[in-house]
Amino acid sequence: MRTIDVIIAVLLVVGGLNWGLWGLFQFDLVAGIFGGNTEVLSRIVYSLVGIAAAYQAFGWKSVQRRWATVRS
C-alpha cells in the first residue's frame, strides 16, 4: 500500500502547487500543460487530485498506521 500512498502524495503536491500558482498569479498549471481547463486530460488530473484528497481525508488513520509500522 505504500506505493499508492506515494502516488496520492504526488497528486496532492500537484494540486497544492496548482492552487498556489492560481492564488498568486492566476495561472492554472494543469490547464496550461494540457491545453485548457475543459480538456479531457486536465479534467482527469483534476479528478485524480480530488480523489487523492478524499482518500487522504477519509483514510488518514489507516495511512498513519501503515507508516508507523514502517518506522518500527
C-alpha atoms as a PDB file:
ATOM      1  CA  MET A   1       0.000   0.000   0.000  1.00  0.00           C
ATOM      2  CA  ARG A   2       2.933   2.362   0.345  1.00  0.00           C
ATOM      3  CA  THR A   3       3.061   2.781  -3.435  1.00  0.00           C
ATOM      4  CA  ILE A   4      -0.475   4.169  -3.501  1.00  0.00           C
ATOM      5  CA  ASP A   5       0.408   6.485  -0.623  1.00  0.00           C
ATOM      6  CA  VAL A   6       3.303   7.897  -2.659  1.00  0.00           C
ATOM      7  CA  ILE A   7       1.061   8.358  -5.719  1.00  0.00           C
ATOM      8  CA  ILE A   8      -1.536  10.096  -3.543  1.00  0.00           C
ATOM      9  CA  ALA A   9       1.148  12.363  -2.063  1.00  0.00           C
ATOM     10  CA  VAL A  10       2.406  13.319  -5.537  1.00  0.00           C
ATOM     11  CA  LEU A  11      -1.124  14.126  -6.683  1.00  0.00           C
ATOM     12  CA  LEU A  12      -1.717  16.262  -3.595  1.00  0.00           C
ATOM     13  CA  VAL A  13       1.517  18.163  -4.217  1.00  0.00           C
ATOM     14  CA  VAL A  14       0.473  18.761  -7.835  1.00  0.00           C
ATOM     15  CA  GLY A  15      -2.898  20.015  -6.641  1.00  0.00           C
ATOM     16  CA  GLY A  16      -1.351  22.217  -3.978  1.00  0.00           C
ATOM     17  CA  LEU A  17       1.131  23.748  -6.395  1.00  0.00           C
ATOM     18  CA  ASN A  18      -1.633  24.334  -8.908  1.00  0.00           C
ATOM     19  CA  TRP A  19      -3.777  26.123  -6.300  1.00  0.00           C
ATOM     20  CA  GLY A  20      -0.780  28.116  -5.106  1.00  0.00           C
ATOM     21  CA  LEU A  21       0.002  29.272  -8.619  1.00  0.00           C
ATOM     22  CA  TRP A  22      -3.630  30.177  -9.126  1.00  0.00           C
ATOM     23  CA  GLY A  23      -3.766  32.128  -5.876  1.00  0.00           C
ATOM     24  CA  LEU A  24      -0.566  34.037  -6.502  1.00  0.00           C
ATOM     25  CA  PHE A  25      -0.574  34.547 -10.259  1.00  0.00           C
ATOM     26  CA  GLN A  26      -3.987  33.387 -11.512  1.00  0.00           C
ATOM     27  CA  PHE A  27      -2.168  30.747 -13.547  1.00  0.00           C
ATOM     28  CA  ASP A  28      -3.575  27.233 -13.835  1.00  0.00           C
ATOM     29  CA  LEU A  29      -0.572  24.969 -14.428  1.00  0.00           C
ATOM     30  CA  VAL A  30      -2.641  21.883 -15.261  1.00  0.00           C
ATOM     31  CA  ALA A  31      -4.692  23.804 -17.809  1.00  0.00           C
ATOM     32  CA  GLY A  32      -1.514  25.364 -19.193  1.00  0.00           C
ATOM     33  CA  ILE A  33       0.096  21.971 -19.722  1.00  0.00           C
ATOM     34  CA  PHE A  34      -2.935  20.196 -21.153  1.00  0.00           C
ATOM     35  CA  GLY A  35      -4.470  22.988 -23.242  1.00  0.00           C
ATOM     36  CA  GLY A  36      -7.248  24.381 -21.069  1.00  0.00           C
ATOM     37  CA  ASN A  37      -9.280  23.513 -18.019  1.00  0.00           C
ATOM     38  CA  THR A  38     -12.042  21.817 -20.014  1.00  0.00           C
ATOM     39  CA  GLU A  39      -9.723  19.455 -21.899  1.00  0.00           C
ATOM     40  CA  VAL A  40     -10.100  15.767 -21.097  1.00  0.00           C
ATOM     41  CA  LEU A  41      -6.577  15.359 -19.692  1.00  0.00           C
ATOM     42  CA  SER A  42      -6.978  18.409 -17.442  1.00  0.00           C
ATOM     43  CA  ARG A  43     -10.258  17.080 -16.124  1.00  0.00           C
ATOM     44  CA  ILE A  44      -8.634  13.700 -15.460  1.00  0.00           C
ATOM     45  CA  VAL A  45      -5.836  15.350 -13.468  1.00  0.00           C
ATOM     46  CA  TYR A  46      -8.333  17.497 -11.528  1.00  0.00           C
ATOM     47  CA  SER A  47     -10.416  14.396 -10.787  1.00  0.00           C
ATOM     48  CA  LEU A  48      -7.387  12.384  -9.656  1.00  0.00           C
ATOM     49  CA  VAL A  49      -6.307  15.191  -7.337  1.00  0.00           C
ATOM     50  CA  GLY A  50      -9.815  15.307  -5.864  1.00  0.00           C
ATOM     51  CA  ILE A  51      -9.897  11.540  -5.399  1.00  0.00           C
ATOM     52  CA  ALA A  52      -6.448  11.693  -3.779  1.00  0.00           C
ATOM     53  CA  ALA A  53      -7.642  14.350  -1.351  1.00  0.00           C
ATOM     54  CA  ALA A  54     -10.724  12.307  -0.444  1.00  0.00           C
ATOM     55  CA  TYR A  55      -8.604   9.180   0.016  1.00  0.00           C
ATOM     56  CA  GLN A  56      -6.217  11.069   2.275  1.00  0.00           C
ATOM     57  CA  ALA A  57      -9.014  12.688   4.281  1.00  0.00           C
ATOM     58  CA  PHE A  58     -11.048   9.530   4.835  1.00  0.00           C
ATOM     59  CA  GLY A  59      -8.127   7.161   5.241  1.00  0.00           C
ATOM     60  CA  TRP A  60      -5.842   9.259   7.410  1.00  0.00           C
ATOM     61  CA  LYS A  61      -5.800   6.855  10.371  1.00  0.00           C
ATOM     62  CA  SER A  62      -5.045   3.818   8.246  1.00  0.00           C
ATOM     63  CA  VAL A  63      -2.239   5.677   6.466  1.00  0.00           C
ATOM     64  CA  GLN A  64      -0.748   6.634   9.835  1.00  0.00           C
ATOM     65  CA  ARG A  65      -0.906   3.016  10.999  1.00  0.00           C
ATOM     66  CA  ARG A  66       0.765   1.729   7.819  1.00  0.00           C
ATOM     67  CA  TRP A  67       3.593   4.242   8.026  1.00  0.00           C
ATOM     68  CA  ALA A  68       4.039   3.695  11.772  1.00  0.00           C
ATOM     69  CA  THR A  69       4.844   0.047  11.082  1.00  0.00           C
ATOM     70  CA  VAL A  70       7.468   1.069   8.515  1.00  0.00           C
ATOM     71  CA  ARG A  71       9.387   3.188  11.043  1.00  0.00           C
ATOM     72  CA  SER A  72       9.368   0.474  13.717  1.00  0.00           C
END
